[in-house]
Amino acid sequence: MLIHRRETRKKGPSMRPATIRTHALLTALLLLSSCRPMGEERSVTGTLVRLDLEERSLTVEDGMGVRWNFLVDKDAGIDLAALREGSKVRVTIARGTPPNMISAADRIRKGDRVEPVPY
């Protein structure tokens, strides 16, 4: 008489807990290594496509065609009258701003810069 043994599998995760922890740690390190430091300044270089002196706002279109809107604080010390639409500029936000925190119209404050860039 031939008796067949039936193999039973344990229900639950197929990987050991140590393997899962190792994968989670490596994933977290990979994600953290791709993040920018919080204290690093950010710059956008492109063409000034819109300038509104009354609203103290400007729009810069970068080389990829993305438009960045900025509102300039009155105490920022930036002379908007010296800028011209169509000119190439670099806007530098001196404070650390993570990429996911840049809003539709980021504020330019004291310490930030808007400067012409030679072609």
C-alpha atoms as a PDB file:
ATOM      1  CA  MET A   1       0.000   0.000   0.000  1.00  0.00           C
ATOM      2  CA  LEU A   2       1.385   3.345  -1.059  1.00  0.00           C
ATOM      3  CA  ILE A   3       0.739   6.269   1.213  1.00  0.00           C
ATOM      4  CA  HIS A   4       1.151   9.734  -0.183  1.00  0.00           C
ATOM      5  CA  ARG A   5       2.270  12.418   2.108  1.00  0.00           C
ATOM      6  CA  ARG A   6       0.691  15.690   1.563  1.00  0.00           C
ATOM      7  CA  GLU A   7       2.933  18.653   2.125  1.00  0.00           C
ATOM      8  CA  THR A   8       1.348  21.498   3.959  1.00  0.00           C
ATOM      9  CA  ARG A   9       2.521  25.040   3.694  1.00  0.00           C
ATOM     10  CA  LYS A  10       2.497  27.482   6.499  1.00  0.00           C
ATOM     11  CA  LYS A  11       0.299  30.416   5.836  1.00  0.00           C
ATOM     12  CA  GLY A  12       1.932  33.811   6.152  1.00  0.00           C
ATOM     13  CA  PRO A  13       4.745  35.802   4.588  1.00  0.00           C
ATOM     14  CA  SER A  14       7.086  33.922   2.336  1.00  0.00           C
ATOM     15  CA  MET A  15      10.114  35.982   3.369  1.00  0.00           C
ATOM     16  CA  ARG A  16      11.799  35.933   6.713  1.00  0.00           C
ATOM     17  CA  PRO A  17      11.373  38.988   8.957  1.00  0.00           C
ATOM     18  CA  ALA A  18      15.114  39.749   8.753  1.00  0.00           C
ATOM     19  CA  THR A  19      14.914  39.860   4.948  1.00  0.00           C
ATOM     20  CA  ILE A  20      11.910  42.172   5.066  1.00  0.00           C
ATOM     21  CA  ARG A  21      13.717  44.519   7.475  1.00  0.00           C
ATOM     22  CA  THR A  22      16.808  44.538   5.249  1.00  0.00           C
ATOM     23  CA  HIS A  23      14.736  45.422   2.176  1.00  0.00           C
ATOM     24  CA  ALA A  24      12.915  48.173   4.083  1.00  0.00           C
ATOM     25  CA  LEU A  25      16.203  49.644   5.320  1.00  0.00           C
ATOM     26  CA  LEU A  26      17.764  49.639   1.849  1.00  0.00           C
ATOM     27  CA  THR A  27      14.652  51.255   0.360  1.00  0.00           C
ATOM     28  CA  ALA A  28      14.671  53.980   3.028  1.00  0.00           C
ATOM     29  CA  LEU A  29      18.372  54.687   2.440  1.00  0.00           C
ATOM     30  CA  LEU A  30      17.814  54.909  -1.302  1.00  0.00           C
ATOM     31  CA  LEU A  31      14.951  57.379  -0.863  1.00  0.00           C
ATOM     32  CA  LEU A  32      16.897  59.514   1.606  1.00  0.00           C
ATOM     33  CA  SER A  33      19.959  59.635  -0.629  1.00  0.00           C
ATOM     34  CA  SER A  34      17.903  61.161  -3.447  1.00  0.00           C
ATOM     35  CA  CYS A  35      16.527  64.009  -1.271  1.00  0.00           C
ATOM     36  CA  ARG A  36      18.108  67.448  -1.249  1.00  0.00           C
ATOM     37  CA  PRO A  37      19.337  68.877   2.033  1.00  0.00           C
ATOM     38  CA  MET A  38      16.893  71.286   3.655  1.00  0.00           C
ATOM     39  CA  GLY A  39      19.438  74.105   3.961  1.00  0.00           C
ATOM     40  CA  GLU A  40      20.362  74.202   0.295  1.00  0.00           C
ATOM     41  CA  GLU A  41      19.300  77.139  -1.862  1.00  0.00           C
ATOM     42  CA  ARG A  42      17.359  76.530  -5.063  1.00  0.00           C
ATOM     43  CA  SER A  43      17.703  78.347  -8.392  1.00  0.00           C
ATOM     44  CA  VAL A  44      15.544  78.584 -11.486  1.00  0.00           C
ATOM     45  CA  THR A  45      17.142  79.926 -14.664  1.00  0.00           C
ATOM     46  CA  GLY A  46      15.082  80.830 -17.699  1.00  0.00           C
ATOM     47  CA  THR A  47      13.318  83.510 -19.698  1.00  0.00           C
ATOM     48  CA  LEU A  48      11.263  86.161 -17.934  1.00  0.00           C
ATOM     49  CA  VAL A  49       7.900  85.731 -19.688  1.00  0.00           C
ATOM     50  CA  ARG A  50       5.699  87.883 -17.431  1.00  0.00           C
ATOM     51  CA  LEU A  51       6.444  90.828 -15.158  1.00  0.00           C
ATOM     52  CA  ASP A  52       3.769  92.721 -13.214  1.00  0.00           C
ATOM     53  CA  LEU A  53       5.191  95.695 -11.315  1.00  0.00           C
ATOM     54  CA  GLU A  54       1.912  96.494  -9.517  1.00  0.00           C
ATOM     55  CA  GLU A  55       1.427  92.960  -8.173  1.00  0.00           C
ATOM     56  CA  ARG A  56       5.199  92.551  -7.738  1.00  0.00           C
ATOM     57  CA  SER A  57       5.039  89.186  -9.498  1.00  0.00           C
ATOM     58  CA  LEU A  58       7.083  87.543 -12.208  1.00  0.00           C
ATOM     59  CA  THR A  59       6.970  84.331 -14.216  1.00  0.00           C
ATOM     60  CA  VAL A  60      10.084  82.522 -15.434  1.00  0.00           C
ATOM     61  CA  GLU A  61       9.973  79.765 -18.063  1.00  0.00           C
ATOM     62  CA  ASP A  62      12.872  77.332 -17.722  1.00  0.00           C
ATOM     63  CA  GLY A  63      14.575  75.381 -20.520  1.00  0.00           C
ATOM     64  CA  MET A  64      12.089  72.500 -20.180  1.00  0.00           C
ATOM     65  CA  GLY A  65       9.115  74.822 -20.724  1.00  0.00           C
ATOM     66  CA  VAL A  66       7.997  74.784 -17.071  1.00  0.00           C
ATOM     67  CA  ARG A  67       6.707  78.125 -15.805  1.00  0.00           C
ATOM     68  CA  TRP A  68       7.648  79.252 -12.287  1.00  0.00           C
ATOM     69  CA  ASN A  69       5.620  82.037 -10.649  1.00  0.00           C
ATOM     70  CA  PHE A  70       7.084  84.259  -7.945  1.00  0.00           C
ATOM     71  CA  LEU A  71       5.697  87.003  -5.706  1.00  0.00           C
ATOM     72  CA  VAL A  72       8.338  89.521  -4.625  1.00  0.00           C
ATOM     73  CA  ASP A  73       8.036  90.948  -1.094  1.00  0.00           C
ATOM     74  CA  LYS A  74       8.394  94.730  -0.850  1.00  0.00           C
ATOM     75  CA  ASP A  75      11.242  94.399   1.652  1.00  0.00           C
ATOM     76  CA  ALA A  76      13.154  91.877  -0.517  1.00  0.00           C
ATOM     77  CA  GLY A  77      15.390  94.628  -1.905  1.00  0.00           C
ATOM     78  CA  ILE A  78      14.859  93.607  -5.540  1.00  0.00           C
ATOM     79  CA  ASP A  79      14.396  96.320  -8.187  1.00  0.00           C
ATOM     80  CA  LEU A  80      11.796  94.893 -10.560  1.00  0.00           C
ATOM     81  CA  ALA A  81      11.947  97.990 -12.801  1.00  0.00           C
ATOM     82  CA  ALA A  82      15.439  96.918 -13.900  1.00  0.00           C
ATOM     83  CA  LEU A  83      14.075  93.641 -15.329  1.00  0.00           C
ATOM     84  CA  ARG A  84      12.606  93.264 -18.824  1.00  0.00           C
ATOM     85  CA  GLU A  85      10.255  90.637 -20.238  1.00  0.00           C
ATOM     86  CA  GLY A  86      12.107  88.351 -22.637  1.00  0.00           C
ATOM     87  CA  SER A  87      15.419  88.635 -20.796  1.00  0.00           C
ATOM     88  CA  LYS A  88      17.163  85.653 -19.259  1.00  0.00           C
ATOM     89  CA  VAL A  89      17.208  85.647 -15.436  1.00  0.00           C
ATOM     90  CA  ARG A  90      18.167  83.443 -12.516  1.00  0.00           C
ATOM     91  CA  VAL A  91      15.878  83.404  -9.471  1.00  0.00           C
ATOM     92  CA  THR A  92      17.583  82.071  -6.348  1.00  0.00           C
ATOM     93  CA  ILE A  93      15.643  81.196  -3.206  1.00  0.00           C
ATOM     94  CA  ALA A  94      18.258  81.368  -0.449  1.00  0.00           C
ATOM     95  CA  ARG A  95      16.306  79.417   2.162  1.00  0.00           C
ATOM     96  CA  GLY A  96      15.992  75.668   1.998  1.00  0.00           C
ATOM     97  CA  THR A  97      12.812  74.685   0.195  1.00  0.00           C
ATOM     98  CA  PRO A  98      12.092  71.029  -0.525  1.00  0.00           C
ATOM     99  CA  PRO A  99      10.892  70.420  -4.105  1.00  0.00           C
ATOM    100  CA  ASN A 100       7.463  69.269  -2.957  1.00  0.00           C
ATOM    101  CA  MET A 101       6.945  72.525  -1.017  1.00  0.00           C
ATOM    102  CA  ILE A 102       7.339  74.912  -3.941  1.00  0.00           C
ATOM    103  CA  SER A 103       3.893  76.381  -4.374  1.00  0.00           C
ATOM    104  CA  ALA A 104       2.151  77.834  -7.397  1.00  0.00           C
ATOM    105  CA  ALA A 105       3.622  81.250  -6.557  1.00  0.00           C
ATOM    106  CA  ASP A 106       6.649  81.048  -4.290  1.00  0.00           C
ATOM    107  CA  ARG A 107       7.555  84.183  -2.337  1.00  0.00           C
ATOM    108  CA  ILE A 108      10.841  85.967  -2.920  1.00  0.00           C
ATOM    109  CA  ARG A 109      11.973  87.360   0.425  1.00  0.00           C
ATOM    110  CA  LYS A 110      14.902  89.317   1.777  1.00  0.00           C
ATOM    111  CA  GLY A 111      18.090  87.394   1.004  1.00  0.00           C
ATOM    112  CA  ASP A 112      16.721  85.843  -2.200  1.00  0.00           C
ATOM    113  CA  ARG A 113      18.006  87.045  -5.582  1.00  0.00           C
ATOM    114  CA  VAL A 114      16.710  87.806  -9.074  1.00  0.00           C
ATOM    115  CA  GLU A 115      19.623  88.518 -11.385  1.00  0.00           C
ATOM    116  CA  PRO A 116      20.089  88.826 -15.149  1.00  0.00           C
ATOM    117  CA  VAL A 117      22.026  86.028 -16.835  1.00  0.00           C
ATOM    118  CA  PRO A 118      24.116  86.639 -19.952  1.00  0.00           C
ATOM    119  CA  TYR A 119      23.159  84.484 -22.924  1.00  0.00           C
END
